[in-house]
Amino acid sequence: MAKKRKLFNLRKFVLQEAAKLSGKTTPTSKVKAKEYKAGQEASQLEKNVNHAKHLKLKEAKIKAAHKRLVLEMRKLQKRKVALKKRIIKDI
């Protein structure tokens, strides 16, 4: 006997996944989680958060520098085009 193939319903699947991610919280009594003392895990988490902040600041600084360089490059290109026109005009 041949098995019937079920059609994949994308809409239903997406709605189910959205329901999972909707933010419904489960009671803490039903959650099985290991508890740790605040120690190395907490300090490592703090280091990671600080590193993320540092990278964000560095990214902003690089972005600002890039913006300045792009503006400077455009100005130089305009001057170069004007100079070429002047040279051709003088010839």
N, C-alpha and C. Protein backbone atom coordinates (compact mmCIF):
# COMPACT_ATOMS: atom_id res chain seq x y z
N MET A 1 0.82 -1.19 0.00
CA MET A 1 0.00 0.00 0.00
C MET A 1 0.87 1.26 0.00
N ALA A 2 0.47 2.19 -0.78
CA ALA A 2 1.20 3.45 -0.85
C ALA A 2 0.72 4.38 0.26
N LYS A 3 1.68 5.05 0.87
CA LYS A 3 1.33 5.99 1.94
C LYS A 3 0.86 7.29 1.32
N LYS A 4 -0.11 7.90 1.97
CA LYS A 4 -0.58 9.20 1.51
C LYS A 4 0.42 10.26 1.94
N ARG A 5 0.73 11.14 1.04
CA ARG A 5 1.64 12.23 1.36
C ARG A 5 0.84 13.40 1.90
N LYS A 6 1.31 13.91 3.05
CA LYS A 6 0.65 15.08 3.63
C LYS A 6 1.20 16.34 2.96
N LEU A 7 0.34 17.24 2.67
CA LEU A 7 0.77 18.51 2.11
C LEU A 7 1.32 19.38 3.24
N PHE A 8 2.41 20.04 2.96
CA PHE A 8 3.02 20.93 3.95
C PHE A 8 2.31 22.28 3.89
N ASN A 9 1.73 22.66 4.99
CA ASN A 9 1.00 23.91 5.07
C ASN A 9 1.93 24.96 5.68
N LEU A 10 2.50 25.80 4.84
CA LEU A 10 3.45 26.80 5.30
C LEU A 10 2.81 27.81 6.24
N ARG A 11 1.62 28.23 5.92
CA ARG A 11 0.93 29.21 6.75
C ARG A 11 0.73 28.68 8.16
N LYS A 12 0.30 27.44 8.26
CA LYS A 12 0.06 26.82 9.57
C LYS A 12 1.37 26.72 10.34
N PHE A 13 2.43 26.31 9.63
CA PHE A 13 3.74 26.17 10.25
C PHE A 13 4.23 27.51 10.81
N VAL A 14 4.10 28.57 10.01
CA VAL A 14 4.55 29.90 10.43
C VAL A 14 3.76 30.37 11.63
N LEU A 15 2.47 30.15 11.63
CA LEU A 15 1.64 30.56 12.76
C LEU A 15 2.01 29.79 14.03
N GLN A 16 2.32 28.51 13.89
CA GLN A 16 2.73 27.73 15.05
C GLN A 16 4.05 28.25 15.63
N GLU A 17 5.00 28.54 14.75
CA GLU A 17 6.29 29.04 15.21
C GLU A 17 6.14 30.43 15.83
N ALA A 18 5.27 31.25 15.27
CA ALA A 18 5.03 32.59 15.84
C ALA A 18 4.42 32.47 17.22
N ALA A 19 3.54 31.49 17.39
CA ALA A 19 2.93 31.28 18.71
C ALA A 19 3.98 30.86 19.73
N LYS A 20 4.95 30.06 19.30
CA LYS A 20 6.02 29.63 20.19
C LYS A 20 6.87 30.82 20.63
N LEU A 21 7.07 31.76 19.71
CA LEU A 21 7.94 32.90 19.98
C LEU A 21 7.19 34.11 20.52
N SER A 22 5.92 33.95 20.79
CA SER A 22 5.11 35.11 21.18
C SER A 22 5.46 35.64 22.56
N GLY A 23 6.26 34.93 23.29
CA GLY A 23 6.68 35.44 24.58
C GLY A 23 5.87 34.89 25.73
N LYS A 24 5.14 33.84 25.52
CA LYS A 24 4.41 33.24 26.61
C LYS A 24 5.41 32.64 27.59
N THR A 25 5.28 32.98 28.84
CA THR A 25 6.22 32.49 29.83
C THR A 25 5.68 31.23 30.48
N THR A 26 6.59 30.35 30.84
CA THR A 26 6.19 29.15 31.55
C THR A 26 6.50 29.35 33.02
N PRO A 27 5.69 28.80 33.89
CA PRO A 27 5.95 28.97 35.33
C PRO A 27 7.31 28.39 35.70
N THR A 28 7.97 29.02 36.63
CA THR A 28 9.31 28.59 37.01
C THR A 28 9.30 27.22 37.69
N SER A 29 8.17 26.84 38.24
CA SER A 29 8.11 25.52 38.88
C SER A 29 8.19 24.40 37.84
N LYS A 30 7.81 24.67 36.61
CA LYS A 30 7.84 23.66 35.55
C LYS A 30 9.17 23.62 34.81
N VAL A 31 10.00 24.61 35.02
CA VAL A 31 11.27 24.70 34.32
C VAL A 31 12.35 23.99 35.14
N LYS A 32 13.08 23.11 34.49
CA LYS A 32 14.19 22.43 35.15
C LYS A 32 15.47 23.10 34.70
N ALA A 33 16.09 23.80 35.61
CA ALA A 33 17.32 24.51 35.27
C ALA A 33 18.32 24.34 36.40
N LYS A 34 19.58 24.27 36.02
CA LYS A 34 20.63 24.17 37.03
C LYS A 34 20.89 25.54 37.61
N GLU A 35 21.11 25.58 38.90
CA GLU A 35 21.42 26.85 39.55
C GLU A 35 22.89 26.87 39.89
N TYR A 36 23.51 28.00 39.67
CA TYR A 36 24.93 28.16 39.94
C TYR A 36 25.11 29.30 40.92
N LYS A 37 26.19 29.22 41.66
CA LYS A 37 26.54 30.33 42.54
C LYS A 37 27.16 31.43 41.68
N ALA A 38 26.96 32.64 42.11
CA ALA A 38 27.55 33.76 41.37
C ALA A 38 29.05 33.69 41.54
N GLY A 39 29.71 33.45 40.49
CA GLY A 39 31.16 33.30 40.55
C GLY A 39 31.74 33.55 39.20
N GLN A 40 32.39 32.54 38.67
CA GLN A 40 33.05 32.68 37.38
C GLN A 40 32.06 32.92 36.26
N GLU A 41 30.89 32.28 36.31
CA GLU A 41 29.92 32.47 35.24
C GLU A 41 29.47 33.92 35.17
N ALA A 42 29.24 34.51 36.35
CA ALA A 42 28.78 35.90 36.39
C ALA A 42 29.88 36.85 35.91
N SER A 43 31.11 36.58 36.32
CA SER A 43 32.18 37.47 35.90
C SER A 43 32.44 37.34 34.40
N GLN A 44 32.33 36.13 33.87
CA GLN A 44 32.52 35.94 32.43
C GLN A 44 31.41 36.64 31.64
N LEU A 45 30.18 36.56 32.15
CA LEU A 45 29.06 37.26 31.51
C LEU A 45 29.31 38.76 31.51
N GLU A 46 29.79 39.27 32.63
CA GLU A 46 30.08 40.70 32.73
C GLU A 46 31.17 41.09 31.73
N LYS A 47 32.19 40.25 31.61
CA LYS A 47 33.27 40.53 30.65
C LYS A 47 32.73 40.54 29.22
N ASN A 48 31.86 39.58 28.91
CA ASN A 48 31.29 39.52 27.56
C ASN A 48 30.44 40.74 27.26
N VAL A 49 29.64 41.19 28.24
CA VAL A 49 28.80 42.37 28.05
C VAL A 49 29.68 43.61 27.85
N ASN A 50 30.72 43.73 28.66
CA ASN A 50 31.63 44.87 28.51
C ASN A 50 32.33 44.85 27.16
N HIS A 51 32.72 43.66 26.72
CA HIS A 51 33.37 43.54 25.41
C HIS A 51 32.41 43.94 24.29
N ALA A 52 31.14 43.54 24.41
CA ALA A 52 30.15 43.92 23.40
C ALA A 52 29.98 45.43 23.35
N LYS A 53 29.96 46.08 24.52
CA LYS A 53 29.85 47.54 24.57
C LYS A 53 31.07 48.19 23.91
N HIS A 54 32.24 47.65 24.21
CA HIS A 54 33.48 48.19 23.62
C HIS A 54 33.45 48.07 22.11
N LEU A 55 33.02 46.91 21.61
CA LEU A 55 32.96 46.72 20.16
C LEU A 55 31.96 47.67 19.51
N LYS A 56 30.85 47.94 20.21
CA LYS A 56 29.85 48.86 19.68
C LYS A 56 30.42 50.27 19.56
N LEU A 57 31.16 50.70 20.58
CA LEU A 57 31.79 52.02 20.54
C LEU A 57 32.83 52.10 19.43
N LYS A 58 33.62 51.03 19.29
CA LYS A 58 34.64 51.00 18.26
C LYS A 58 34.01 51.04 16.87
N GLU A 59 32.90 50.32 16.71
CA GLU A 59 32.19 50.33 15.43
C GLU A 59 31.69 51.73 15.09
N ALA A 60 31.15 52.43 16.10
CA ALA A 60 30.65 53.79 15.87
C ALA A 60 31.79 54.72 15.46
N LYS A 61 32.95 54.56 16.10
CA LYS A 61 34.11 55.39 15.78
C LYS A 61 34.58 55.13 14.35
N ILE A 62 34.63 53.87 13.96
CA ILE A 62 35.06 53.52 12.61
C ILE A 62 34.06 54.02 11.58
N LYS A 63 32.77 53.93 11.91
CA LYS A 63 31.73 54.41 10.99
C LYS A 63 31.86 55.91 10.77
N ALA A 64 32.13 56.66 11.84
CA ALA A 64 32.29 58.11 11.73
C ALA A 64 33.51 58.44 10.88
N ALA A 65 34.61 57.72 11.11
CA ALA A 65 35.82 57.95 10.34
C ALA A 65 35.58 57.64 8.86
N HIS A 66 34.86 56.58 8.60
CA HIS A 66 34.55 56.20 7.22
C HIS A 66 33.73 57.29 6.54
N LYS A 67 32.77 57.83 7.28
CA LYS A 67 31.92 58.88 6.72
C LYS A 67 32.76 60.11 6.35
N ARG A 68 33.69 60.47 7.25
CA ARG A 68 34.58 61.61 6.97
C ARG A 68 35.45 61.32 5.74
N LEU A 69 35.97 60.13 5.66
CA LEU A 69 36.83 59.78 4.53
C LEU A 69 36.07 59.80 3.21
N VAL A 70 34.84 59.33 3.23
CA VAL A 70 34.02 59.33 2.01
C VAL A 70 33.77 60.76 1.55
N LEU A 71 33.46 61.65 2.49
CA LEU A 71 33.23 63.06 2.13
C LEU A 71 34.51 63.68 1.57
N GLU A 72 35.65 63.39 2.20
CA GLU A 72 36.91 63.93 1.72
C GLU A 72 37.25 63.40 0.32
N MET A 73 36.97 62.11 0.10
CA MET A 73 37.23 61.50 -1.20
C MET A 73 36.37 62.16 -2.28
N ARG A 74 35.13 62.43 -1.97
CA ARG A 74 34.25 63.08 -2.95
C ARG A 74 34.76 64.47 -3.31
N LYS A 75 35.22 65.20 -2.30
CA LYS A 75 35.76 66.54 -2.55
C LYS A 75 36.99 66.46 -3.46
N LEU A 76 37.86 65.49 -3.16
CA LEU A 76 39.06 65.33 -3.98
C LEU A 76 38.71 64.95 -5.41
N GLN A 77 37.73 64.09 -5.58
CA GLN A 77 37.32 63.69 -6.93
C GLN A 77 36.75 64.87 -7.70
N LYS A 78 35.99 65.73 -7.03
CA LYS A 78 35.46 66.92 -7.69
C LYS A 78 36.59 67.84 -8.13
N ARG A 79 37.58 68.03 -7.25
CA ARG A 79 38.72 68.88 -7.59
C ARG A 79 39.50 68.29 -8.77
N LYS A 80 39.65 66.98 -8.77
CA LYS A 80 40.36 66.29 -9.84
C LYS A 80 39.66 66.48 -11.17
N VAL A 81 38.33 66.36 -11.18
CA VAL A 81 37.55 66.54 -12.40
C VAL A 81 37.68 67.99 -12.89
N ALA A 82 37.60 68.94 -11.95
CA ALA A 82 37.73 70.35 -12.32
C ALA A 82 39.11 70.64 -12.89
N LEU A 83 40.13 70.04 -12.29
CA LEU A 83 41.49 70.24 -12.78
C LEU A 83 41.67 69.66 -14.18
N LYS A 84 41.12 68.48 -14.42
CA LYS A 84 41.20 67.88 -15.75
C LYS A 84 40.53 68.76 -16.79
N LYS A 85 39.37 69.33 -16.43
CA LYS A 85 38.66 70.21 -17.35
C LYS A 85 39.50 71.45 -17.65
N ARG A 86 40.16 71.97 -16.61
CA ARG A 86 40.99 73.15 -16.81
C ARG A 86 42.18 72.84 -17.71
N ILE A 87 42.78 71.67 -17.53
CA ILE A 87 43.93 71.27 -18.36
C ILE A 87 43.49 71.12 -19.82
N ILE A 88 42.34 70.45 -20.03
CA ILE A 88 41.85 70.26 -21.39
C ILE A 88 41.50 71.60 -22.03
N LYS A 89 40.96 72.51 -21.24
CA LYS A 89 40.58 73.83 -21.75
C LYS A 89 41.83 74.63 -22.17
N ASP A 90 42.91 74.48 -21.38
CA ASP A 90 44.13 75.20 -21.69
C ASP A 90 44.89 74.65 -22.89
N ILE A 91 44.63 73.40 -23.22
CA ILE A 91 45.33 72.78 -24.35
C ILE A 91 44.80 73.31 -25.63
